[in-house]
N, C-alpha and C. Protein backbone atom coordinates (compact mmCIF):
# COMPACT_ATOMS: atom_id res chain seq x y z
N GLY A 1 -4.53 -24.70 -41.39
CA GLY A 1 -5.09 -23.62 -40.61
C GLY A 1 -4.24 -22.38 -40.72
N VAL A 2 -4.81 -21.31 -40.35
CA VAL A 2 -4.11 -20.03 -40.40
C VAL A 2 -3.55 -19.72 -39.02
N CYS A 3 -2.29 -19.39 -38.98
CA CYS A 3 -1.65 -19.04 -37.71
C CYS A 3 -1.58 -17.52 -37.61
N ILE A 4 -2.05 -16.99 -36.52
CA ILE A 4 -2.01 -15.54 -36.34
C ILE A 4 -1.27 -15.22 -35.05
N ALA A 5 -0.66 -14.08 -35.02
CA ALA A 5 0.00 -13.59 -33.81
C ALA A 5 -0.59 -12.24 -33.47
N LEU A 6 -1.08 -12.11 -32.27
CA LEU A 6 -1.69 -10.87 -31.82
C LEU A 6 -0.87 -10.32 -30.67
N GLY A 7 -0.45 -9.08 -30.80
CA GLY A 7 0.34 -8.47 -29.74
C GLY A 7 -0.48 -7.45 -28.97
N PHE A 8 -0.35 -7.47 -27.65
CA PHE A 8 -1.06 -6.54 -26.79
C PHE A 8 -0.06 -5.84 -25.89
N LEU A 9 -0.32 -4.61 -25.62
CA LEU A 9 0.49 -3.88 -24.65
C LEU A 9 -0.45 -3.27 -23.63
N LEU A 10 -0.33 -3.72 -22.39
CA LEU A 10 -1.16 -3.18 -21.31
C LEU A 10 -0.49 -1.90 -20.81
N THR A 11 -0.99 -0.77 -21.26
CA THR A 11 -0.42 0.50 -20.85
C THR A 11 -1.16 1.04 -19.65
N PRO A 12 -0.51 1.85 -18.83
CA PRO A 12 -1.20 2.40 -17.66
C PRO A 12 -2.45 3.16 -18.06
N SER A 13 -3.50 2.95 -17.34
CA SER A 13 -4.73 3.69 -17.58
C SER A 13 -4.56 5.12 -17.10
N VAL A 14 -5.56 5.95 -17.36
CA VAL A 14 -5.50 7.33 -16.87
C VAL A 14 -5.36 7.34 -15.36
N ASP A 15 -6.09 6.45 -14.68
CA ASP A 15 -6.01 6.40 -13.22
C ASP A 15 -4.61 6.07 -12.74
N GLU A 16 -3.95 5.12 -13.41
CA GLU A 16 -2.61 4.74 -13.00
C GLU A 16 -1.63 5.89 -13.20
N ALA A 17 -1.83 6.65 -14.29
CA ALA A 17 -0.95 7.78 -14.54
C ALA A 17 -1.16 8.88 -13.51
N LEU A 18 -2.41 9.07 -13.10
CA LEU A 18 -2.72 10.11 -12.13
C LEU A 18 -2.40 9.68 -10.70
N TYR A 19 -2.47 8.39 -10.44
CA TYR A 19 -2.28 7.88 -9.08
C TYR A 19 -1.15 6.85 -9.07
N PRO A 20 0.08 7.28 -9.27
CA PRO A 20 1.20 6.36 -9.38
C PRO A 20 1.69 5.84 -8.04
N ARG A 21 2.64 4.92 -8.10
CA ARG A 21 3.27 4.38 -6.89
C ARG A 21 4.77 4.71 -6.93
N LYS A 22 5.08 5.96 -6.82
CA LYS A 22 6.48 6.38 -6.82
C LYS A 22 7.10 6.16 -5.44
N TYR A 23 8.43 6.15 -5.42
CA TYR A 23 9.18 5.91 -4.18
C TYR A 23 8.72 4.59 -3.54
N GLN A 24 8.51 3.60 -4.38
CA GLN A 24 7.88 2.36 -3.93
C GLN A 24 8.65 1.66 -2.82
N ALA A 25 9.97 1.53 -2.98
CA ALA A 25 10.76 0.81 -1.98
C ALA A 25 10.67 1.50 -0.62
N MET A 26 10.77 2.83 -0.61
CA MET A 26 10.71 3.58 0.65
C MET A 26 9.32 3.50 1.27
N VAL A 27 8.31 3.70 0.45
CA VAL A 27 6.94 3.68 0.97
C VAL A 27 6.62 2.31 1.56
N GLU A 28 6.94 1.26 0.84
CA GLU A 28 6.62 -0.09 1.33
C GLU A 28 7.44 -0.42 2.58
N LYS A 29 8.68 0.04 2.64
CA LYS A 29 9.53 -0.24 3.80
C LYS A 29 8.93 0.35 5.07
N TYR A 30 8.56 1.63 5.03
CA TYR A 30 8.09 2.30 6.24
C TYR A 30 6.62 2.02 6.53
N ALA A 31 5.85 1.74 5.49
CA ALA A 31 4.47 1.31 5.73
C ALA A 31 4.46 -0.02 6.49
N LYS A 32 5.36 -0.91 6.11
CA LYS A 32 5.47 -2.19 6.82
C LYS A 32 6.03 -2.00 8.22
N GLN A 33 7.06 -1.15 8.35
CA GLN A 33 7.69 -0.93 9.65
C GLN A 33 6.70 -0.37 10.67
N TYR A 34 5.85 0.55 10.23
CA TYR A 34 4.91 1.20 11.15
C TYR A 34 3.49 0.66 11.04
N ASP A 35 3.31 -0.37 10.23
CA ASP A 35 2.01 -1.04 10.10
C ASP A 35 0.92 -0.05 9.67
N VAL A 36 1.20 0.65 8.59
CA VAL A 36 0.25 1.59 7.99
C VAL A 36 -0.09 1.07 6.60
N PRO A 37 -1.35 1.09 6.18
CA PRO A 37 -1.71 0.61 4.83
C PRO A 37 -0.90 1.33 3.75
N VAL A 38 -0.24 0.55 2.90
CA VAL A 38 0.68 1.14 1.93
C VAL A 38 -0.03 2.08 0.97
N ASN A 39 -1.23 1.73 0.53
CA ASN A 39 -1.94 2.58 -0.42
C ASN A 39 -2.43 3.87 0.24
N LEU A 40 -2.62 3.84 1.54
CA LEU A 40 -2.97 5.06 2.26
C LEU A 40 -1.79 6.03 2.24
N VAL A 41 -0.59 5.49 2.38
CA VAL A 41 0.61 6.33 2.34
C VAL A 41 0.75 6.96 0.95
N TYR A 42 0.58 6.14 -0.10
CA TYR A 42 0.64 6.69 -1.46
C TYR A 42 -0.40 7.79 -1.64
N ALA A 43 -1.60 7.57 -1.11
CA ALA A 43 -2.68 8.55 -1.26
C ALA A 43 -2.34 9.86 -0.57
N VAL A 44 -1.73 9.77 0.61
CA VAL A 44 -1.33 10.99 1.33
C VAL A 44 -0.26 11.74 0.54
N ILE A 45 0.73 11.02 0.04
CA ILE A 45 1.79 11.68 -0.73
C ILE A 45 1.23 12.32 -2.00
N ARG A 46 0.38 11.57 -2.70
CA ARG A 46 -0.22 12.10 -3.93
C ARG A 46 -1.02 13.37 -3.64
N THR A 47 -1.77 13.36 -2.57
CA THR A 47 -2.62 14.51 -2.23
C THR A 47 -1.81 15.67 -1.68
N GLU A 48 -0.82 15.37 -0.85
CA GLU A 48 -0.06 16.42 -0.19
C GLU A 48 0.91 17.14 -1.14
N SER A 49 1.64 16.39 -1.96
CA SER A 49 2.73 17.00 -2.73
C SER A 49 2.79 16.58 -4.18
N ASP A 50 1.92 15.67 -4.59
CA ASP A 50 1.98 15.12 -5.95
C ASP A 50 3.37 14.54 -6.24
N PHE A 51 3.96 13.93 -5.22
CA PHE A 51 5.25 13.24 -5.30
C PHE A 51 6.41 14.19 -5.60
N LYS A 52 6.28 15.44 -5.21
CA LYS A 52 7.37 16.41 -5.39
C LYS A 52 8.09 16.58 -4.05
N SER A 53 9.34 16.14 -3.99
CA SER A 53 10.08 16.15 -2.73
C SER A 53 10.48 17.55 -2.28
N ASP A 54 10.46 18.52 -3.21
CA ASP A 54 10.83 19.89 -2.86
C ASP A 54 9.61 20.78 -2.64
N ALA A 55 8.43 20.19 -2.53
CA ALA A 55 7.21 20.97 -2.36
C ALA A 55 7.21 21.70 -1.02
N VAL A 56 6.76 22.96 -1.05
CA VAL A 56 6.60 23.76 0.17
C VAL A 56 5.24 24.44 0.09
N SER A 57 4.44 24.27 1.12
CA SER A 57 3.10 24.85 1.11
C SER A 57 3.13 26.31 1.52
N SER A 58 1.99 26.97 1.38
CA SER A 58 1.89 28.39 1.74
C SER A 58 2.07 28.62 3.24
N VAL A 59 1.85 27.57 4.04
CA VAL A 59 2.03 27.71 5.49
C VAL A 59 3.37 27.15 5.97
N GLY A 60 4.18 26.64 5.02
CA GLY A 60 5.52 26.20 5.37
C GLY A 60 5.73 24.71 5.52
N ALA A 61 4.71 23.91 5.23
CA ALA A 61 4.89 22.45 5.27
C ALA A 61 5.81 22.03 4.14
N ILE A 62 6.66 21.04 4.40
CA ILE A 62 7.75 20.71 3.48
C ILE A 62 7.70 19.25 3.05
N GLY A 63 8.04 19.05 1.77
CA GLY A 63 8.35 17.71 1.28
C GLY A 63 7.18 16.86 0.86
N LEU A 64 7.49 15.59 0.61
CA LEU A 64 6.53 14.65 0.04
C LEU A 64 5.26 14.53 0.86
N MET A 65 5.40 14.46 2.19
CA MET A 65 4.23 14.28 3.04
C MET A 65 3.87 15.55 3.80
N GLN A 66 4.45 16.68 3.34
CA GLN A 66 4.10 18.02 3.82
C GLN A 66 4.06 18.11 5.35
N ILE A 67 5.25 17.99 5.93
CA ILE A 67 5.40 18.04 7.38
C ILE A 67 5.85 19.44 7.79
N MET A 68 5.19 20.00 8.79
CA MET A 68 5.60 21.30 9.32
C MET A 68 6.92 21.15 10.09
N PRO A 69 7.84 22.11 9.95
CA PRO A 69 9.11 22.03 10.70
C PRO A 69 8.91 21.86 12.20
N SER A 70 7.94 22.53 12.77
CA SER A 70 7.70 22.41 14.21
C SER A 70 7.28 20.98 14.58
N THR A 71 6.46 20.37 13.74
CA THR A 71 6.05 18.97 13.97
C THR A 71 7.25 18.05 13.81
N PHE A 72 8.06 18.32 12.81
CA PHE A 72 9.25 17.51 12.55
C PHE A 72 10.21 17.56 13.75
N ARG A 73 10.41 18.76 14.30
CA ARG A 73 11.31 18.87 15.45
C ARG A 73 10.76 18.12 16.66
N TRP A 74 9.44 18.17 16.86
CA TRP A 74 8.83 17.41 17.96
C TRP A 74 9.05 15.92 17.77
N LEU A 75 8.82 15.44 16.55
CA LEU A 75 9.01 14.01 16.28
C LEU A 75 10.48 13.62 16.39
N SER A 76 11.34 14.45 15.78
CA SER A 76 12.77 14.14 15.73
C SER A 76 13.43 14.25 17.10
N ASP A 77 13.14 15.32 17.83
CA ASP A 77 13.81 15.55 19.10
C ASP A 77 13.16 14.79 20.25
N ASP A 78 11.85 14.95 20.40
CA ASP A 78 11.16 14.42 21.58
C ASP A 78 10.74 12.96 21.44
N MET A 79 10.29 12.57 20.25
CA MET A 79 9.75 11.22 20.07
C MET A 79 10.81 10.20 19.68
N LEU A 80 11.71 10.58 18.77
CA LEU A 80 12.68 9.62 18.25
C LEU A 80 14.11 9.90 18.69
N GLY A 81 14.35 11.07 19.27
CA GLY A 81 15.68 11.38 19.78
C GLY A 81 16.75 11.47 18.72
N GLU A 82 16.40 11.89 17.51
CA GLU A 82 17.38 11.96 16.42
C GLU A 82 17.91 13.38 16.19
N CYS A 83 17.15 14.38 16.61
CA CYS A 83 17.59 15.79 16.54
C CYS A 83 18.09 16.17 15.14
N LEU A 84 17.27 15.92 14.15
CA LEU A 84 17.62 16.23 12.77
C LEU A 84 17.34 17.70 12.44
N GLU A 85 18.07 18.22 11.46
CA GLU A 85 17.85 19.59 11.00
C GLU A 85 16.62 19.64 10.10
N ASP A 86 15.95 20.80 10.07
CA ASP A 86 14.74 20.95 9.27
C ASP A 86 14.98 20.65 7.79
N GLU A 87 16.19 20.92 7.29
CA GLU A 87 16.49 20.70 5.88
C GLU A 87 16.33 19.24 5.48
N MET A 88 16.36 18.34 6.45
CA MET A 88 16.21 16.92 6.14
C MET A 88 14.80 16.58 5.65
N LEU A 89 13.89 17.51 5.84
CA LEU A 89 12.53 17.29 5.33
C LEU A 89 12.50 17.24 3.81
N TYR A 90 13.52 17.79 3.17
CA TYR A 90 13.60 17.73 1.71
C TYR A 90 14.15 16.39 1.23
N ASP A 91 14.70 15.62 2.13
CA ASP A 91 15.20 14.28 1.79
C ASP A 91 14.00 13.33 1.70
N ALA A 92 13.84 12.69 0.56
CA ALA A 92 12.64 11.88 0.31
C ALA A 92 12.46 10.80 1.37
N GLU A 93 13.52 10.05 1.67
CA GLU A 93 13.36 8.94 2.61
C GLU A 93 13.05 9.44 4.02
N THR A 94 13.72 10.50 4.43
CA THR A 94 13.44 11.05 5.76
C THR A 94 12.01 11.54 5.86
N ASN A 95 11.55 12.22 4.83
CA ASN A 95 10.20 12.76 4.85
C ASN A 95 9.16 11.64 4.88
N ILE A 96 9.38 10.60 4.10
CA ILE A 96 8.45 9.46 4.10
C ILE A 96 8.47 8.76 5.45
N ARG A 97 9.66 8.56 6.00
CA ARG A 97 9.77 7.86 7.29
C ARG A 97 9.04 8.63 8.38
N TYR A 98 9.25 9.93 8.44
CA TYR A 98 8.60 10.73 9.48
C TYR A 98 7.11 10.91 9.20
N GLY A 99 6.75 11.05 7.92
CA GLY A 99 5.34 11.19 7.59
C GLY A 99 4.54 9.95 7.94
N VAL A 100 5.10 8.78 7.63
CA VAL A 100 4.41 7.53 7.96
C VAL A 100 4.35 7.35 9.47
N TYR A 101 5.41 7.72 10.16
CA TYR A 101 5.42 7.63 11.62
C TYR A 101 4.34 8.53 12.23
N LEU A 102 4.23 9.76 11.71
CA LEU A 102 3.20 10.68 12.19
C LEU A 102 1.80 10.12 11.90
N LEU A 103 1.63 9.58 10.71
CA LEU A 103 0.34 8.99 10.35
C LEU A 103 0.02 7.83 11.28
N LYS A 104 1.02 7.04 11.63
CA LYS A 104 0.83 5.92 12.55
C LYS A 104 0.38 6.41 13.93
N LEU A 105 0.99 7.48 14.41
CA LEU A 105 0.60 8.04 15.71
C LEU A 105 -0.88 8.43 15.71
N HIS A 106 -1.30 9.08 14.64
CA HIS A 106 -2.71 9.48 14.55
C HIS A 106 -3.63 8.27 14.44
N LEU A 107 -3.24 7.28 13.66
CA LEU A 107 -4.06 6.08 13.50
C LEU A 107 -4.19 5.32 14.82
N ASP A 108 -3.11 5.29 15.59
CA ASP A 108 -3.14 4.59 16.88
C ASP A 108 -4.02 5.34 17.89
N GLU A 109 -4.00 6.66 17.81
CA GLU A 109 -4.73 7.46 18.78
C GLU A 109 -6.22 7.56 18.44
N CYS A 110 -6.53 7.48 17.17
CA CYS A 110 -7.92 7.63 16.73
C CYS A 110 -8.50 6.27 16.35
N GLU A 111 -9.72 6.05 16.71
CA GLU A 111 -10.38 4.79 16.36
C GLU A 111 -10.94 4.81 14.94
N ASP A 112 -11.04 5.97 14.36
CA ASP A 112 -11.61 6.15 13.04
C ASP A 112 -10.53 6.69 12.11
N GLU A 113 -10.32 6.02 10.96
CA GLU A 113 -9.26 6.43 10.04
C GLU A 113 -9.50 7.84 9.51
N LYS A 114 -10.75 8.19 9.26
CA LYS A 114 -11.04 9.53 8.76
C LYS A 114 -10.69 10.59 9.80
N VAL A 115 -10.88 10.28 11.05
CA VAL A 115 -10.50 11.20 12.13
C VAL A 115 -8.98 11.36 12.15
N ALA A 116 -8.27 10.25 11.95
CA ALA A 116 -6.80 10.29 11.91
C ALA A 116 -6.31 11.16 10.76
N LEU A 117 -6.96 11.04 9.61
CA LEU A 117 -6.58 11.86 8.46
C LEU A 117 -6.87 13.34 8.72
N ALA A 118 -7.99 13.60 9.38
CA ALA A 118 -8.31 14.99 9.75
C ALA A 118 -7.24 15.54 10.68
N ALA A 119 -6.76 14.71 11.61
CA ALA A 119 -5.71 15.13 12.53
C ALA A 119 -4.40 15.38 11.80
N TYR A 120 -4.10 14.57 10.80
CA TYR A 120 -2.88 14.77 10.01
C TYR A 120 -2.93 16.12 9.30
N HIS A 121 -4.12 16.52 8.87
CA HIS A 121 -4.27 17.77 8.12
C HIS A 121 -4.41 18.99 9.02
N ALA A 122 -5.28 18.89 10.02
CA ALA A 122 -5.61 20.07 10.84
C ALA A 122 -4.90 20.10 12.18
N GLY A 123 -4.32 18.97 12.58
CA GLY A 123 -3.67 18.89 13.88
C GLY A 123 -4.54 18.17 14.90
N ARG A 124 -3.89 17.44 15.77
CA ARG A 124 -4.63 16.65 16.75
C ARG A 124 -5.42 17.53 17.73
N GLY A 125 -4.85 18.67 18.10
CA GLY A 125 -5.54 19.55 19.04
C GLY A 125 -6.87 20.03 18.49
N LYS A 126 -6.88 20.43 17.23
CA LYS A 126 -8.11 20.90 16.61
C LYS A 126 -9.14 19.78 16.53
N VAL A 127 -8.69 18.59 16.17
CA VAL A 127 -9.61 17.45 16.06
C VAL A 127 -10.17 17.09 17.43
N ASN A 128 -9.36 17.17 18.47
CA ASN A 128 -9.86 16.91 19.82
C ASN A 128 -10.98 17.87 20.20
N GLU A 129 -10.84 19.13 19.77
CA GLU A 129 -11.90 20.11 20.03
C GLU A 129 -13.19 19.70 19.32
N TRP A 130 -13.07 19.25 18.08
CA TRP A 130 -14.26 18.84 17.34
C TRP A 130 -14.93 17.62 17.97
N LEU A 131 -14.11 16.66 18.41
CA LEU A 131 -14.66 15.45 19.01
C LEU A 131 -15.39 15.76 20.32
N ALA A 132 -14.96 16.80 21.00
CA ALA A 132 -15.59 17.18 22.26
C ALA A 132 -16.82 18.06 22.06
N ASP A 133 -17.08 18.43 20.83
CA ASP A 133 -18.20 19.31 20.50
C ASP A 133 -19.34 18.49 19.90
N THR A 134 -20.48 18.45 20.56
CA THR A 134 -21.60 17.62 20.09
C THR A 134 -22.17 18.10 18.76
N ARG A 135 -21.80 19.28 18.33
CA ARG A 135 -22.24 19.74 17.01
C ARG A 135 -21.55 18.95 15.91
N TYR A 136 -20.36 18.43 16.21
CA TYR A 136 -19.56 17.76 15.20
C TYR A 136 -19.37 16.27 15.47
N SER A 137 -19.55 15.85 16.71
CA SER A 137 -19.36 14.43 17.06
C SER A 137 -20.40 14.02 18.09
N SER A 138 -21.15 12.99 17.77
CA SER A 138 -22.20 12.53 18.68
C SER A 138 -21.68 11.54 19.72
N ASP A 139 -20.49 10.98 19.47
CA ASP A 139 -19.98 9.97 20.39
C ASP A 139 -18.56 10.26 20.90
N GLY A 140 -17.96 11.34 20.45
CA GLY A 140 -16.61 11.66 20.89
C GLY A 140 -15.53 10.82 20.26
N VAL A 141 -15.92 9.98 19.32
CA VAL A 141 -14.96 9.08 18.65
C VAL A 141 -14.93 9.34 17.14
N HIS A 142 -16.11 9.49 16.56
CA HIS A 142 -16.23 9.73 15.13
C HIS A 142 -16.67 11.17 14.88
N LEU A 143 -16.33 11.68 13.72
CA LEU A 143 -16.74 13.02 13.34
C LEU A 143 -17.95 12.92 12.42
N ASP A 144 -19.08 13.43 12.88
CA ASP A 144 -20.27 13.47 12.04
C ASP A 144 -20.14 14.57 11.00
N GLU A 145 -19.37 15.58 11.34
CA GLU A 145 -19.14 16.70 10.43
C GLU A 145 -17.76 17.27 10.71
N ILE A 146 -17.04 17.59 9.65
CA ILE A 146 -15.75 18.28 9.80
C ILE A 146 -15.99 19.75 9.48
N PRO A 147 -15.88 20.64 10.47
CA PRO A 147 -16.31 22.03 10.28
C PRO A 147 -15.43 22.87 9.37
N ILE A 148 -14.19 22.45 9.15
CA ILE A 148 -13.31 23.18 8.23
C ILE A 148 -13.41 22.52 6.86
N SER A 149 -13.86 23.27 5.87
CA SER A 149 -14.11 22.69 4.55
C SER A 149 -12.84 22.14 3.90
N ASP A 150 -11.71 22.81 4.10
CA ASP A 150 -10.45 22.32 3.52
C ASP A 150 -10.10 20.95 4.07
N THR A 151 -10.29 20.75 5.37
CA THR A 151 -9.99 19.47 5.98
C THR A 151 -10.98 18.41 5.54
N ALA A 152 -12.26 18.77 5.45
CA ALA A 152 -13.28 17.82 4.98
C ALA A 152 -12.96 17.37 3.56
N HIS A 153 -12.59 18.32 2.70
CA HIS A 153 -12.23 17.99 1.32
C HIS A 153 -10.98 17.12 1.29
N TYR A 154 -10.02 17.42 2.14
CA TYR A 154 -8.76 16.67 2.21
C TYR A 154 -9.04 15.21 2.54
N VAL A 155 -9.84 14.96 3.56
CA VAL A 155 -10.15 13.59 3.97
C VAL A 155 -10.86 12.83 2.84
N ASP A 156 -11.83 13.47 2.22
CA ASP A 156 -12.55 12.83 1.12
C ASP A 156 -11.61 12.53 -0.05
N LYS A 157 -10.72 13.46 -0.33
CA LYS A 157 -9.79 13.27 -1.44
C LYS A 157 -8.82 12.12 -1.17
N ILE A 158 -8.32 12.05 0.05
CA ILE A 158 -7.41 10.96 0.41
C ILE A 158 -8.08 9.61 0.18
N LYS A 159 -9.30 9.45 0.65
CA LYS A 159 -10.00 8.17 0.52
C LYS A 159 -10.29 7.87 -0.95
N ASN A 160 -10.60 8.89 -1.74
CA ASN A 160 -10.85 8.68 -3.16
C ASN A 160 -9.58 8.26 -3.89
N VAL A 161 -8.47 8.92 -3.59
CA VAL A 161 -7.19 8.57 -4.22
C VAL A 161 -6.77 7.16 -3.82
N GLU A 162 -6.95 6.83 -2.55
CA GLU A 162 -6.60 5.49 -2.08
C GLU A 162 -7.38 4.44 -2.85
N GLN A 163 -8.66 4.67 -3.08
CA GLN A 163 -9.48 3.73 -3.83
C GLN A 163 -8.99 3.60 -5.27
N LYS A 164 -8.63 4.72 -5.88
CA LYS A 164 -8.13 4.69 -7.25
C LYS A 164 -6.85 3.89 -7.34
N ILE A 165 -5.97 4.06 -6.37
CA ILE A 165 -4.71 3.32 -6.37
C ILE A 165 -4.98 1.83 -6.23
N GLU A 166 -5.90 1.46 -5.36
CA GLU A 166 -6.21 0.05 -5.13
C GLU A 166 -6.84 -0.60 -6.35
N GLU A 167 -7.53 0.18 -7.17
CA GLU A 167 -8.16 -0.37 -8.36
C GLU A 167 -7.13 -0.80 -9.39
N GLY A 168 -5.97 -0.14 -9.39
CA GLY A 168 -4.90 -0.53 -10.29
C GLY A 168 -5.27 -0.35 -11.75
N LEU A 169 -4.81 -1.26 -12.57
CA LEU A 169 -5.03 -1.20 -14.00
C LEU A 169 -6.16 -2.12 -14.41
N ASP A 170 -6.83 -1.76 -15.47
CA ASP A 170 -7.89 -2.62 -15.99
C ASP A 170 -8.06 -2.29 -17.47
N ALA A 171 -8.00 -3.29 -18.32
CA ALA A 171 -8.15 -3.05 -19.75
C ALA A 171 -8.85 -4.23 -20.40
N ASN A 172 -9.62 -3.97 -21.43
CA ASN A 172 -10.32 -5.01 -22.16
C ASN A 172 -10.07 -4.85 -23.65
N TYR A 173 -9.87 -5.94 -24.35
CA TYR A 173 -9.66 -5.93 -25.78
C TYR A 173 -10.65 -6.91 -26.39
N TYR A 174 -11.46 -6.43 -27.35
CA TYR A 174 -12.42 -7.28 -28.02
C TYR A 174 -12.06 -7.28 -29.50
N LEU A 175 -11.57 -8.40 -30.00
CA LEU A 175 -11.02 -8.45 -31.34
C LEU A 175 -11.89 -9.29 -32.26
N ASN A 176 -12.22 -8.73 -33.40
CA ASN A 176 -12.99 -9.46 -34.40
C ASN A 176 -12.03 -10.00 -35.44
N ILE A 177 -12.05 -11.30 -35.63
CA ILE A 177 -11.13 -11.95 -36.55
C ILE A 177 -11.88 -12.39 -37.80
N ASN A 178 -11.51 -11.84 -38.95
CA ASN A 178 -12.11 -12.19 -40.25
C ASN A 178 -13.62 -12.02 -40.26
N ASN A 179 -14.14 -11.13 -39.40
CA ASN A 179 -15.57 -10.85 -39.35
C ASN A 179 -16.41 -12.09 -39.04
N SER A 180 -15.79 -13.12 -38.51
CA SER A 180 -16.56 -14.33 -38.25
C SER A 180 -16.46 -14.81 -36.81
N ALA A 181 -15.38 -14.51 -36.16
CA ALA A 181 -15.19 -14.96 -34.77
C ALA A 181 -14.60 -13.82 -33.95
N THR A 182 -15.09 -13.71 -32.77
CA THR A 182 -14.59 -12.65 -31.89
C THR A 182 -13.83 -13.26 -30.74
N LEU A 183 -12.63 -12.77 -30.54
CA LEU A 183 -11.78 -13.22 -29.44
C LEU A 183 -11.82 -12.16 -28.36
N TYR A 184 -12.10 -12.57 -27.16
CA TYR A 184 -12.20 -11.63 -26.04
C TYR A 184 -10.98 -11.79 -25.14
N VAL A 185 -10.23 -10.72 -25.01
CA VAL A 185 -9.03 -10.73 -24.19
C VAL A 185 -9.16 -9.64 -23.13
N LYS A 186 -8.93 -10.00 -21.89
CA LYS A 186 -8.97 -9.03 -20.79
C LYS A 186 -7.62 -9.00 -20.10
N ALA A 187 -7.32 -7.87 -19.51
CA ALA A 187 -6.06 -7.75 -18.78
C ALA A 187 -6.27 -6.89 -17.56
N SER A 188 -5.57 -7.23 -16.51
CA SER A 188 -5.59 -6.39 -15.32
C SER A 188 -4.21 -6.39 -14.73
N GLY A 189 -3.91 -5.34 -14.00
CA GLY A 189 -2.58 -5.26 -13.42
C GLY A 189 -2.56 -4.48 -12.13
N THR A 190 -1.94 -5.05 -11.12
CA THR A 190 -1.69 -4.35 -9.87
C THR A 190 -0.32 -4.78 -9.36
N ASN A 191 0.36 -3.84 -8.70
CA ASN A 191 1.68 -4.12 -8.10
C ASN A 191 2.65 -4.72 -9.11
N ASN A 192 2.56 -4.23 -10.37
CA ASN A 192 3.49 -4.63 -11.42
C ASN A 192 3.36 -6.09 -11.84
N ILE A 193 2.24 -6.73 -11.52
CA ILE A 193 1.94 -8.07 -12.00
C ILE A 193 0.74 -7.96 -12.93
N TYR A 194 0.90 -8.45 -14.18
CA TYR A 194 -0.14 -8.34 -15.18
C TYR A 194 -0.73 -9.71 -15.46
N THR A 195 -2.03 -9.78 -15.39
CA THR A 195 -2.74 -11.04 -15.62
C THR A 195 -3.58 -10.91 -16.88
N TRP A 196 -3.41 -11.87 -17.79
CA TRP A 196 -4.14 -11.87 -19.05
C TRP A 196 -5.16 -13.00 -19.06
N TYR A 197 -6.35 -12.70 -19.59
CA TYR A 197 -7.44 -13.67 -19.64
C TYR A 197 -7.94 -13.77 -21.08
N ILE A 198 -8.51 -14.92 -21.42
CA ILE A 198 -9.09 -15.10 -22.74
C ILE A 198 -10.44 -15.80 -22.61
N GLY A 199 -11.37 -15.43 -23.47
CA GLY A 199 -12.69 -16.06 -23.44
C GLY A 199 -13.34 -15.95 -24.80
N ASP A 200 -14.44 -16.68 -25.01
CA ASP A 200 -15.11 -16.66 -26.31
C ASP A 200 -16.43 -15.90 -26.26
N SER A 201 -16.72 -15.26 -25.15
CA SER A 201 -17.90 -14.41 -25.07
C SER A 201 -17.61 -13.28 -24.10
N LYS A 202 -18.22 -12.15 -24.35
CA LYS A 202 -17.90 -10.95 -23.57
C LYS A 202 -18.28 -11.11 -22.11
N GLU A 203 -19.43 -11.74 -21.85
CA GLU A 203 -19.93 -11.86 -20.49
C GLU A 203 -19.66 -13.22 -19.87
N GLY A 204 -19.05 -14.13 -20.65
CA GLY A 204 -18.81 -15.48 -20.14
C GLY A 204 -17.59 -15.58 -19.26
N GLU A 205 -17.20 -16.81 -18.97
CA GLU A 205 -16.03 -17.03 -18.13
C GLU A 205 -14.75 -16.85 -18.93
N TYR A 206 -13.73 -16.37 -18.25
CA TYR A 206 -12.43 -16.17 -18.87
C TYR A 206 -11.41 -17.11 -18.22
N THR A 207 -10.45 -17.51 -19.02
CA THR A 207 -9.38 -18.38 -18.54
C THR A 207 -8.08 -17.59 -18.47
N VAL A 208 -7.37 -17.74 -17.37
CA VAL A 208 -6.07 -17.07 -17.24
C VAL A 208 -5.09 -17.73 -18.19
N ILE A 209 -4.47 -16.93 -19.04
CA ILE A 209 -3.49 -17.48 -19.98
C ILE A 209 -2.08 -17.01 -19.70
N SER A 210 -1.93 -16.00 -18.87
CA SER A 210 -0.58 -15.54 -18.57
C SER A 210 -0.59 -14.64 -17.34
N GLU A 211 0.41 -14.79 -16.50
CA GLU A 211 0.69 -13.88 -15.41
C GLU A 211 2.15 -13.49 -15.52
N THR A 212 2.41 -12.22 -15.67
CA THR A 212 3.77 -11.79 -15.98
C THR A 212 4.04 -10.41 -15.43
N THR A 213 5.31 -10.08 -15.30
CA THR A 213 5.69 -8.72 -14.92
C THR A 213 5.85 -7.84 -16.14
N ASN A 214 5.70 -8.43 -17.33
CA ASN A 214 5.83 -7.68 -18.58
C ASN A 214 4.44 -7.30 -19.08
N PRO A 215 4.17 -6.00 -19.27
CA PRO A 215 2.85 -5.60 -19.72
C PRO A 215 2.59 -5.93 -21.19
N ARG A 216 3.62 -6.41 -21.91
CA ARG A 216 3.45 -6.76 -23.31
C ARG A 216 3.23 -8.27 -23.44
N PHE A 217 2.20 -8.64 -24.18
CA PHE A 217 1.86 -10.06 -24.30
C PHE A 217 1.54 -10.38 -25.75
N VAL A 218 2.08 -11.49 -26.27
CA VAL A 218 1.83 -11.91 -27.66
C VAL A 218 1.06 -13.22 -27.63
N LEU A 219 -0.10 -13.22 -28.28
CA LEU A 219 -0.93 -14.40 -28.38
C LEU A 219 -0.78 -14.98 -29.78
N THR A 220 -0.44 -16.27 -29.87
CA THR A 220 -0.26 -16.90 -31.17
C THR A 220 -1.25 -18.04 -31.36
């Protein structure tokens, strides 16, 4: 018989490149500490600053999770009693810790995640006004309409990015061998674990042949 060796490299898809999981240790640490969905935190960071720790918005929001200095002082002084200087917002871990904490406060106060995200963007006071207005909320809990287009776009973008992150990697390889037999190899990857599958038909069942942290796989 003929022995062949086929090498595959599962490279990040376009989605993975656009929606990365940077600052993973910090994000996972504080997402767990404050019981906030980890991919939601990644989505907020991706949307707010594109993972740039020195980002400053036109209105003065700072860092990875774009926290206003006034909000930071309220959280630092009144809520946590740490009395940190505003410059600490440029520190990646501090910004993530406070951003996740702020997100947790909104999630706890709001019954609807989209309302919490609107509050993170526009402020809780503004969202309370919308919830009290029957033009925008029919039940005082959910927002039927977000009247500020930037905030509406922000909430939609966060949920879209979160979904993209959760989808992770996905790749398919269909190999024709000697023009007589086709080998079907599929691969998927999330959280740095890559699973390889093999099958003899495109739509049929696949068998797991490898689970590894290495995106490179050699089939012999």
